[in-house]
Amino acid sequence: MSRNVSDDRAAVPRRPHLPLRPLWLCRVCAAPWPCPVARLALRQEYAHDRIALSIYLCTILHDAAADLYRLNPHDGPDPKALYMRFLAWATPRGDPP
């Protein structure tokens, strides 16, 4: 009995793309977290509760800002860049108010 490629992929557990604190880099791909894979996973996880996703991301933004400022207090994190990184991508587009 031969196994096809898709069976092999399903058997390999995927590592979640979680943040490495206090650097806020992805533990898997080393991209700034939330990386594209983490964003997709969060959108799927919170697909039916966008308000909860926004609250979660605001909390994470707060933690990241504190950690990143602690690492580099002289050139602290740029608020606009943090907003774009943690919140802007999750803002619903084209939804009625």
PDB file of N, CA and C in Angstrom:
ATOM      1  N   MET A   1       0.850  -1.177   0.000  1.00  0.00           N
ATOM      2  CA  MET A   1       0.000   0.000   0.000  1.00  0.00           C
ATOM      3  C   MET A   1       0.894   1.238   0.000  1.00  0.00           C
ATOM      4  N   SER A   2       0.718   2.113  -0.957  1.00  0.00           N
ATOM      5  CA  SER A   2       1.547   3.318  -1.030  1.00  0.00           C
ATOM      6  C   SER A   2       0.784   4.506  -0.465  1.00  0.00           C
ATOM      7  N   ARG A   3       1.540   5.410   0.092  1.00  0.00           N
ATOM      8  CA  ARG A   3       0.947   6.637   0.629  1.00  0.00           C
ATOM      9  C   ARG A   3       1.236   7.768  -0.329  1.00  0.00           C
ATOM     10  N   ASN A   4       0.274   8.629  -0.500  1.00  0.00           N
ATOM     11  CA  ASN A   4       0.533   9.770  -1.377  1.00  0.00           C
ATOM     12  C   ASN A   4       1.084  10.945  -0.567  1.00  0.00           C
ATOM     13  N   VAL A   5       1.510  11.975  -1.232  1.00  0.00           N
ATOM     14  CA  VAL A   5       2.176  13.108  -0.596  1.00  0.00           C
ATOM     15  C   VAL A   5       1.266  13.801   0.408  1.00  0.00           C
ATOM     16  N   SER A   6       0.004  13.959   0.093  1.00  0.00           N
ATOM     17  CA  SER A   6      -0.895  14.673   0.996  1.00  0.00           C
ATOM     18  C   SER A   6      -1.052  13.933   2.314  1.00  0.00           C
ATOM     19  N   ASP A   7      -0.984  12.598   2.304  1.00  0.00           N
ATOM     20  CA  ASP A   7      -1.059  11.850   3.551  1.00  0.00           C
ATOM     21  C   ASP A   7       0.153  12.141   4.430  1.00  0.00           C
ATOM     22  N   ASP A   8       1.327  12.279   3.814  1.00  0.00           N
ATOM     23  CA  ASP A   8       2.540  12.571   4.563  1.00  0.00           C
ATOM     24  C   ASP A   8       2.472  13.957   5.197  1.00  0.00           C
ATOM     25  N   ARG A   9       1.967  14.926   4.479  1.00  0.00           N
ATOM     26  CA  ARG A   9       1.857  16.284   5.013  1.00  0.00           C
ATOM     27  C   ARG A   9       0.887  16.341   6.189  1.00  0.00           C
ATOM     28  N   ALA A  10      -0.192  15.594   6.100  1.00  0.00           N
ATOM     29  CA  ALA A  10      -1.182  15.608   7.167  1.00  0.00           C
ATOM     30  C   ALA A  10      -0.616  14.985   8.441  1.00  0.00           C
ATOM     31  N   ALA A  11       0.334  14.071   8.326  1.00  0.00           N
ATOM     32  CA  ALA A  11       0.895  13.395   9.482  1.00  0.00           C
ATOM     33  C   ALA A  11       1.918  14.265  10.212  1.00  0.00           C
ATOM     34  N   VAL A  12       2.485  15.256   9.543  1.00  0.00           N
ATOM     35  CA  VAL A  12       3.486  16.119  10.155  1.00  0.00           C
ATOM     36  C   VAL A  12       2.777  17.258  10.882  1.00  0.00           C
ATOM     37  N   PRO A  13       2.945  17.343  12.215  1.00  0.00           N
ATOM     38  CA  PRO A  13       2.287  18.442  12.925  1.00  0.00           C
ATOM     39  C   PRO A  13       2.928  19.777  12.574  1.00  0.00           C
ATOM     40  N   ARG A  14       2.114  20.775  12.393  1.00  0.00           N
ATOM     41  CA  ARG A  14       2.608  22.114  12.077  1.00  0.00           C
ATOM     42  C   ARG A  14       2.823  22.881  13.365  1.00  0.00           C
ATOM     43  N   ARG A  15       3.926  23.601  13.405  1.00  0.00           N
ATOM     44  CA  ARG A  15       4.213  24.420  14.573  1.00  0.00           C
ATOM     45  C   ARG A  15       3.449  25.728  14.462  1.00  0.00           C
ATOM     46  N   PRO A  16       2.813  26.151  15.531  1.00  0.00           N
ATOM     47  CA  PRO A  16       2.096  27.425  15.476  1.00  0.00           C
ATOM     48  C   PRO A  16       3.071  28.595  15.418  1.00  0.00           C
ATOM     49  N   HIS A  17       2.702  29.592  14.683  1.00  0.00           N
ATOM     50  CA  HIS A  17       3.521  30.800  14.537  1.00  0.00           C
ATOM     51  C   HIS A  17       3.196  31.732  15.704  1.00  0.00           C
ATOM     52  N   LEU A  18       3.917  31.541  16.791  1.00  0.00           N
ATOM     53  CA  LEU A  18       3.699  32.300  18.018  1.00  0.00           C
ATOM     54  C   LEU A  18       4.841  33.299  18.218  1.00  0.00           C
ATOM     55  N   PRO A  19       4.597  34.351  19.023  1.00  0.00           N
ATOM     56  CA  PRO A  19       5.640  35.359  19.221  1.00  0.00           C
ATOM     57  C   PRO A  19       6.729  34.890  20.172  1.00  0.00           C
ATOM     58  N   LEU A  20       7.942  35.324  19.881  1.00  0.00           N
ATOM     59  CA  LEU A  20       9.082  35.130  20.760  1.00  0.00           C
ATOM     60  C   LEU A  20       9.282  36.448  21.495  1.00  0.00           C
ATOM     61  N   ARG A  21       8.908  36.454  22.745  1.00  0.00           N
ATOM     62  CA  ARG A  21       9.006  37.674  23.531  1.00  0.00           C
ATOM     63  C   ARG A  21      10.341  37.715  24.237  1.00  0.00           C
ATOM     64  N   PRO A  22      10.911  38.866  24.423  1.00  0.00           N
ATOM     65  CA  PRO A  22      10.396  40.218  24.241  1.00  0.00           C
ATOM     66  C   PRO A  22      10.690  40.810  22.860  1.00  0.00           C
ATOM     67  N   LEU A  23      11.250  40.010  21.948  1.00  0.00           N
ATOM     68  CA  LEU A  23      11.609  40.540  20.631  1.00  0.00           C
ATOM     69  C   LEU A  23      10.414  40.694  19.699  1.00  0.00           C
ATOM     70  N   TRP A  24       9.358  39.957  19.949  1.00  0.00           N
ATOM     71  CA  TRP A  24       8.162  39.964  19.119  1.00  0.00           C
ATOM     72  C   TRP A  24       8.460  39.568  17.679  1.00  0.00           C
ATOM     73  N   LEU A  25       9.241  38.489  17.559  1.00  0.00           N
ATOM     74  CA  LEU A  25       9.488  37.846  16.278  1.00  0.00           C
ATOM     75  C   LEU A  25       8.790  36.497  16.306  1.00  0.00           C
ATOM     76  N   CYS A  26       8.436  35.995  15.134  1.00  0.00           N
ATOM     77  CA  CYS A  26       7.776  34.698  15.039  1.00  0.00           C
ATOM     78  C   CYS A  26       8.771  33.598  15.403  1.00  0.00           C
ATOM     79  N   ARG A  27       8.343  32.657  16.236  1.00  0.00           N
ATOM     80  CA  ARG A  27       9.199  31.544  16.654  1.00  0.00           C
ATOM     81  C   ARG A  27       9.518  30.602  15.501  1.00  0.00           C
ATOM     82  N   VAL A  28       8.707  30.585  14.455  1.00  0.00           N
ATOM     83  CA  VAL A  28       8.896  29.647  13.350  1.00  0.00           C
ATOM     84  C   VAL A  28       9.653  30.290  12.193  1.00  0.00           C
ATOM     85  N   CYS A  29       9.197  31.455  11.737  1.00  0.00           N
ATOM     86  CA  CYS A  29       9.779  32.053  10.529  1.00  0.00           C
ATOM     87  C   CYS A  29      10.642  33.283  10.798  1.00  0.00           C
ATOM     88  N   ALA A  30      10.711  33.742  12.037  1.00  0.00           N
ATOM     89  CA  ALA A  30      11.529  34.880  12.462  1.00  0.00           C
ATOM     90  C   ALA A  30      11.087  36.224  11.872  1.00  0.00           C
ATOM     91  N   ALA A  31       9.921  36.284  11.278  1.00  0.00           N
ATOM     92  CA  ALA A  31       9.375  37.552  10.785  1.00  0.00           C
ATOM     93  C   ALA A  31       8.790  38.327  11.971  1.00  0.00           C
ATOM     94  N   PRO A  32       8.650  39.644  11.838  1.00  0.00           N
ATOM     95  CA  PRO A  32       7.973  40.395  12.897  1.00  0.00           C
ATOM     96  C   PRO A  32       6.580  39.801  13.136  1.00  0.00           C
ATOM     97  N   TRP A  33       6.289  39.540  14.410  1.00  0.00           N
ATOM     98  CA  TRP A  33       5.009  38.917  14.739  1.00  0.00           C
ATOM     99  C   TRP A  33       3.966  40.004  14.942  1.00  0.00           C
ATOM    100  N   PRO A  34       2.753  39.829  14.468  1.00  0.00           N
ATOM    101  CA  PRO A  34       2.194  38.656  13.802  1.00  0.00           C
ATOM    102  C   PRO A  34       2.616  38.566  12.334  1.00  0.00           C
ATOM    103  N   CYS A  35       3.241  37.464  12.011  1.00  0.00           N
ATOM    104  CA  CYS A  35       3.675  37.194  10.639  1.00  0.00           C
ATOM    105  C   CYS A  35       2.443  36.867   9.788  1.00  0.00           C
ATOM    106  N   PRO A  36       2.565  36.777   8.490  1.00  0.00           N
ATOM    107  CA  PRO A  36       1.403  36.475   7.648  1.00  0.00           C
ATOM    108  C   PRO A  36       0.679  35.173   8.032  1.00  0.00           C
ATOM    109  N   VAL A  37       1.417  34.153   8.408  1.00  0.00           N
ATOM    110  CA  VAL A  37       0.775  32.887   8.802  1.00  0.00           C
ATOM    111  C   VAL A  37       0.006  33.074  10.112  1.00  0.00           C
ATOM    112  N   ALA A  38       0.593  33.800  11.054  1.00  0.00           N
ATOM    113  CA  ALA A  38      -0.096  34.063  12.318  1.00  0.00           C
ATOM    114  C   ALA A  38      -1.349  34.904  12.088  1.00  0.00           C
ATOM    115  N   ARG A  39      -1.273  35.874  11.198  1.00  0.00           N
ATOM    116  CA  ARG A  39      -2.450  36.702  10.892  1.00  0.00           C
ATOM    117  C   ARG A  39      -3.575  35.854  10.316  1.00  0.00           C
ATOM    118  N   LEU A  40      -3.223  34.965   9.418  1.00  0.00           N
ATOM    119  CA  LEU A  40      -4.228  34.078   8.837  1.00  0.00           C
ATOM    120  C   LEU A  40      -4.845  33.189   9.911  1.00  0.00           C
ATOM    121  N   ALA A  41      -4.021  32.634  10.767  1.00  0.00           N
ATOM    122  CA  ALA A  41      -4.525  31.773  11.842  1.00  0.00           C
ATOM    123  C   ALA A  41      -5.434  32.553  12.787  1.00  0.00           C
ATOM    124  N   LEU A  42      -5.054  33.789  13.111  1.00  0.00           N
ATOM    125  CA  LEU A  42      -5.889  34.607  13.996  1.00  0.00           C
ATOM    126  C   LEU A  42      -7.218  34.958  13.328  1.00  0.00           C
ATOM    127  N   ARG A  43      -7.170  35.277  12.043  1.00  0.00           N
ATOM    128  CA  ARG A  43      -8.433  35.565  11.327  1.00  0.00           C
ATOM    129  C   ARG A  43      -9.355  34.355  11.319  1.00  0.00           C
ATOM    130  N   GLN A  44      -8.778  33.186  11.149  1.00  0.00           N
ATOM    131  CA  GLN A  44      -9.596  31.969  11.166  1.00  0.00           C
ATOM    132  C   GLN A  44     -10.144  31.704  12.562  1.00  0.00           C
ATOM    133  N   GLU A  45      -9.297  31.859  13.568  1.00  0.00           N
ATOM    134  CA  GLU A  45      -9.711  31.599  14.947  1.00  0.00           C
ATOM    135  C   GLU A  45     -10.822  32.542  15.396  1.00  0.00           C
ATOM    136  N   TYR A  46     -10.744  33.792  14.974  1.00  0.00           N
ATOM    137  CA  TYR A  46     -11.715  34.808  15.389  1.00  0.00           C
ATOM    138  C   TYR A  46     -12.688  35.170  14.261  1.00  0.00           C
ATOM    139  N   ALA A  47     -12.897  34.276  13.348  1.00  0.00           N
ATOM    140  CA  ALA A  47     -13.739  34.566  12.182  1.00  0.00           C
ATOM    141  C   ALA A  47     -15.144  35.023  12.565  1.00  0.00           C
ATOM    142  N   HIS A  48     -15.646  34.526  13.661  1.00  0.00           N
ATOM    143  CA  HIS A  48     -17.028  34.856  14.048  1.00  0.00           C
ATOM    144  C   HIS A  48     -17.095  35.885  15.178  1.00  0.00           C
ATOM    145  N   ASP A  49     -15.949  36.448  15.547  1.00  0.00           N
ATOM    146  CA  ASP A  49     -15.936  37.434  16.630  1.00  0.00           C
ATOM    147  C   ASP A  49     -14.821  38.442  16.402  1.00  0.00           C
ATOM    148  N   ARG A  50     -15.062  39.363  15.475  1.00  0.00           N
ATOM    149  CA  ARG A  50     -14.040  40.352  15.135  1.00  0.00           C
ATOM    150  C   ARG A  50     -13.757  41.307  16.279  1.00  0.00           C
ATOM    151  N   ILE A  51     -14.732  41.558  17.118  1.00  0.00           N
ATOM    152  CA  ILE A  51     -14.513  42.440  18.266  1.00  0.00           C
ATOM    153  C   ILE A  51     -13.516  41.793  19.223  1.00  0.00           C
ATOM    154  N   ALA A  52     -13.659  40.508  19.480  1.00  0.00           N
ATOM    155  CA  ALA A  52     -12.714  39.803  20.350  1.00  0.00           C
ATOM    156  C   ALA A  52     -11.305  39.824  19.747  1.00  0.00           C
ATOM    157  N   LEU A  53     -11.203  39.697  18.428  1.00  0.00           N
ATOM    158  CA  LEU A  53      -9.898  39.778  17.777  1.00  0.00           C
ATOM    159  C   LEU A  53      -9.277  41.156  18.004  1.00  0.00           C
ATOM    160  N   SER A  54     -10.054  42.198  17.854  1.00  0.00           N
ATOM    161  CA  SER A  54      -9.546  43.559  18.064  1.00  0.00           C
ATOM    162  C   SER A  54      -9.097  43.764  19.508  1.00  0.00           C
ATOM    163  N   ILE A  55      -9.864  43.270  20.451  1.00  0.00           N
ATOM    164  CA  ILE A  55      -9.494  43.392  21.866  1.00  0.00           C
ATOM    165  C   ILE A  55      -8.203  42.623  22.137  1.00  0.00           C
ATOM    166  N   TYR A  56      -8.102  41.412  21.612  1.00  0.00           N
ATOM    167  CA  TYR A  56      -6.895  40.606  21.787  1.00  0.00           C
ATOM    168  C   TYR A  56      -5.679  41.334  21.202  1.00  0.00           C
ATOM    169  N   LEU A  57      -5.827  41.865  20.000  1.00  0.00           N
ATOM    170  CA  LEU A  57      -4.706  42.535  19.345  1.00  0.00           C
ATOM    171  C   LEU A  57      -4.305  43.822  20.076  1.00  0.00           C
ATOM    172  N   CYS A  58      -5.277  44.539  20.636  1.00  0.00           N
ATOM    173  CA  CYS A  58      -4.950  45.735  21.425  1.00  0.00           C
ATOM    174  C   CYS A  58      -4.141  45.350  22.664  1.00  0.00           C
ATOM    175  N   THR A  59      -4.503  44.254  23.289  1.00  0.00           N
ATOM    176  CA  THR A  59      -3.767  43.774  24.457  1.00  0.00           C
ATOM    177  C   THR A  59      -2.348  43.386  24.076  1.00  0.00           C
ATOM    178  N   ILE A  60      -2.219  42.670  22.953  1.00  0.00           N
ATOM    179  CA  ILE A  60      -0.908  42.257  22.472  1.00  0.00           C
ATOM    180  C   ILE A  60      -0.067  43.484  22.095  1.00  0.00           C
ATOM    181  N   LEU A  61      -0.676  44.457  21.460  1.00  0.00           N
ATOM    182  CA  LEU A  61       0.028  45.689  21.100  1.00  0.00           C
ATOM    183  C   LEU A  61       0.589  46.365  22.344  1.00  0.00           C
ATOM    184  N   HIS A  62      -0.203  46.425  23.380  1.00  0.00           N
ATOM    185  CA  HIS A  62       0.232  47.037  24.640  1.00  0.00           C
ATOM    186  C   HIS A  62       1.443  46.291  25.202  1.00  0.00           C
ATOM    187  N   ASP A  63       1.372  44.974  25.238  1.00  0.00           N
ATOM    188  CA  ASP A  63       2.489  44.167  25.743  1.00  0.00           C
ATOM    189  C   ASP A  63       3.743  44.340  24.875  1.00  0.00           C
ATOM    190  N   ALA A  64       3.549  44.333  23.562  1.00  0.00           N
ATOM    191  CA  ALA A  64       4.683  44.469  22.643  1.00  0.00           C
ATOM    192  C   ALA A  64       5.338  45.839  22.795  1.00  0.00           C
ATOM    193  N   ALA A  65       4.535  46.886  22.906  1.00  0.00           N
ATOM    194  CA  ALA A  65       5.091  48.230  23.058  1.00  0.00           C
ATOM    195  C   ALA A  65       5.940  48.306  24.326  1.00  0.00           C
ATOM    196  N   ALA A  66       5.459  47.731  25.420  1.00  0.00           N
ATOM    197  CA  ALA A  66       6.219  47.743  26.673  1.00  0.00           C
ATOM    198  C   ALA A  66       7.520  46.954  26.531  1.00  0.00           C
ATOM    199  N   ASP A  67       7.441  45.767  25.944  1.00  0.00           N
ATOM    200  CA  ASP A  67       8.641  44.939  25.767  1.00  0.00           C
ATOM    201  C   ASP A  67       9.657  45.618  24.857  1.00  0.00           C
ATOM    202  N   LEU A  68       9.197  46.129  23.733  1.00  0.00           N
ATOM    203  CA  LEU A  68      10.110  46.732  22.765  1.00  0.00           C
ATOM    204  C   LEU A  68      10.718  48.028  23.301  1.00  0.00           C
ATOM    205  N   TYR A  69       9.957  48.777  24.059  1.00  0.00           N
ATOM    206  CA  TYR A  69      10.504  49.993  24.667  1.00  0.00           C
ATOM    207  C   TYR A  69      11.569  49.629  25.700  1.00  0.00           C
ATOM    208  N   ARG A  70      11.305  48.573  26.477  1.00  0.00           N
ATOM    209  CA  ARG A  70      12.266  48.126  27.478  1.00  0.00           C
ATOM    210  C   ARG A  70      13.583  47.695  26.822  1.00  0.00           C
ATOM    211  N   LEU A  71      13.497  47.079  25.647  1.00  0.00           N
ATOM    212  CA  LEU A  71      14.697  46.644  24.931  1.00  0.00           C
ATOM    213  C   LEU A  71      15.484  47.809  24.347  1.00  0.00           C
ATOM    214  N   ASN A  72      14.773  48.869  23.944  1.00  0.00           N
ATOM    215  CA  ASN A  72      15.424  49.997  23.285  1.00  0.00           C
ATOM    216  C   ASN A  72      14.763  51.308  23.722  1.00  0.00           C
ATOM    217  N   PRO A  73      15.040  51.745  24.955  1.00  0.00           N
ATOM    218  CA  PRO A  73      14.343  52.932  25.469  1.00  0.00           C
ATOM    219  C   PRO A  73      14.710  54.243  24.762  1.00  0.00           C
ATOM    220  N   HIS A  74      15.864  54.317  24.132  1.00  0.00           N
ATOM    221  CA  HIS A  74      16.280  55.562  23.486  1.00  0.00           C
ATOM    222  C   HIS A  74      15.544  55.818  22.170  1.00  0.00           C
ATOM    223  N   ASP A  75      15.292  54.764  21.417  1.00  0.00           N
ATOM    224  CA  ASP A  75      14.579  54.892  20.143  1.00  0.00           C
ATOM    225  C   ASP A  75      13.275  54.118  20.185  1.00  0.00           C
ATOM    226  N   GLY A  76      12.584  54.097  21.283  1.00  0.00           N
ATOM    227  CA  GLY A  76      11.373  53.305  21.471  1.00  0.00           C
ATOM    228  C   GLY A  76      10.596  52.998  20.211  1.00  0.00           C
ATOM    229  N   PRO A  77       9.675  52.070  20.275  1.00  0.00           N
ATOM    230  CA  PRO A  77       8.920  51.672  19.085  1.00  0.00           C
ATOM    231  C   PRO A  77       8.066  52.809  18.536  1.00  0.00           C
ATOM    232  N   ASP A  78       7.973  52.875  17.232  1.00  0.00           N
ATOM    233  CA  ASP A  78       7.164  53.882  16.551  1.00  0.00           C
ATOM    234  C   ASP A  78       5.684  53.507  16.686  1.00  0.00           C
ATOM    235  N   PRO A  79       4.869  54.364  17.303  1.00  0.00           N
ATOM    236  CA  PRO A  79       3.459  54.032  17.500  1.00  0.00           C
ATOM    237  C   PRO A  79       2.723  53.692  16.203  1.00  0.00           C
ATOM    238  N   LYS A  80       2.991  54.449  15.140  1.00  0.00           N
ATOM    239  CA  LYS A  80       2.311  54.172  13.872  1.00  0.00           C
ATOM    240  C   LYS A  80       2.703  52.796  13.334  1.00  0.00           C
ATOM    241  N   ALA A  81       3.979  52.468  13.403  1.00  0.00           N
ATOM    242  CA  ALA A  81       4.438  51.160  12.924  1.00  0.00           C
ATOM    243  C   ALA A  81       3.819  50.034  13.744  1.00  0.00           C
ATOM    244  N   LEU A  82       3.717  50.234  15.061  1.00  0.00           N
ATOM    245  CA  LEU A  82       3.087  49.207  15.900  1.00  0.00           C
ATOM    246  C   LEU A  82       1.608  49.046  15.555  1.00  0.00           C
ATOM    247  N   TYR A  83       0.926  50.173  15.325  1.00  0.00           N
ATOM    248  CA  TYR A  83      -0.484  50.095  14.934  1.00  0.00           C
ATOM    249  C   TYR A  83      -0.639  49.308  13.628  1.00  0.00           C
ATOM    250  N   MET A  84       0.184  49.632  12.652  1.00  0.00           N
ATOM    251  CA  MET A  84       0.098  48.945  11.360  1.00  0.00           C
ATOM    252  C   MET A  84       0.399  47.453  11.517  1.00  0.00           C
ATOM    253  N   ARG A  85       1.356  47.135  12.332  1.00  0.00           N
ATOM    254  CA  ARG A  85       1.781  45.746  12.522  1.00  0.00           C
ATOM    255  C   ARG A  85       0.754  44.921  13.278  1.00  0.00           C
ATOM    256  N   PHE A  86       0.158  45.485  14.316  1.00  0.00           N
ATOM    257  CA  PHE A  86      -0.711  44.706  15.187  1.00  0.00           C
ATOM    258  C   PHE A  86      -2.201  44.885  14.934  1.00  0.00           C
ATOM    259  N   LEU A  87      -2.632  46.026  14.451  1.00  0.00           N
ATOM    260  CA  LEU A  87      -4.077  46.269  14.356  1.00  0.00           C
ATOM    261  C   LEU A  87      -4.607  46.546  12.960  1.00  0.00           C
ATOM    262  N   ALA A  88      -3.897  47.293  12.161  1.00  0.00           N
ATOM    263  CA  ALA A  88      -4.439  47.760  10.880  1.00  0.00           C
ATOM    264  C   ALA A  88      -4.878  46.610   9.983  1.00  0.00           C
ATOM    265  N   TRP A  89      -4.142  45.518   9.961  1.00  0.00           N
ATOM    266  CA  TRP A  89      -4.468  44.386   9.089  1.00  0.00           C
ATOM    267  C   TRP A  89      -5.767  43.702   9.490  1.00  0.00           C
ATOM    268  N   ALA A  90      -6.181  43.868  10.720  1.00  0.00           N
ATOM    269  CA  ALA A  90      -7.380  43.169  11.195  1.00  0.00           C
ATOM    270  C   ALA A  90      -8.642  44.011  11.066  1.00  0.00           C
ATOM    271  N   THR A  91      -8.496  45.254  10.646  1.00  0.00           N
ATOM    272  CA  THR A  91      -9.648  46.127  10.505  1.00  0.00           C
ATOM    273  C   THR A  91     -10.530  45.632   9.357  1.00  0.00           C
ATOM    274  N   PRO A  92     -11.811  45.418   9.628  1.00  0.00           N
ATOM    275  CA  PRO A  92     -12.701  44.953   8.561  1.00  0.00           C
ATOM    276  C   PRO A  92     -12.779  45.970   7.430  1.00  0.00           C
ATOM    277  N   ARG A  93     -12.793  45.483   6.222  1.00  0.00           N
ATOM    278  CA  ARG A  93     -12.874  46.336   5.040  1.00  0.00           C
ATOM    279  C   ARG A  93     -14.238  46.162   4.384  1.00  0.00           C
ATOM    280  N   GLY A  94     -14.894  47.250   4.131  1.00  0.00           N
ATOM    281  CA  GLY A  94     -16.152  47.200   3.393  1.00  0.00           C
ATOM    282  C   GLY A  94     -17.354  46.724   4.193  1.00  0.00           C
ATOM    283  N   ASP A  95     -17.183  46.552   5.502  1.00  0.00           N
ATOM    284  CA  ASP A  95     -18.325  46.162   6.312  1.00  0.00           C
ATOM    285  C   ASP A  95     -19.145  47.392   6.676  1.00  0.00           C
ATOM    286  N   PRO A  96     -20.448  47.246   6.718  1.00  0.00           N
ATOM    287  CA  PRO A  96     -21.273  48.390   7.126  1.00  0.00           C
ATOM    288  C   PRO A  96     -21.021  48.718   8.595  1.00  0.00           C
ATOM    289  N   PRO A  97     -21.096  49.999   8.973  1.00  0.00           N
ATOM    290  CA  PRO A  97     -20.863  50.381  10.384  1.00  0.00           C
ATOM    291  C   PRO A  97     -21.915  49.819  11.308  1.00  0.00           C
TER     292      PRO A  97
END
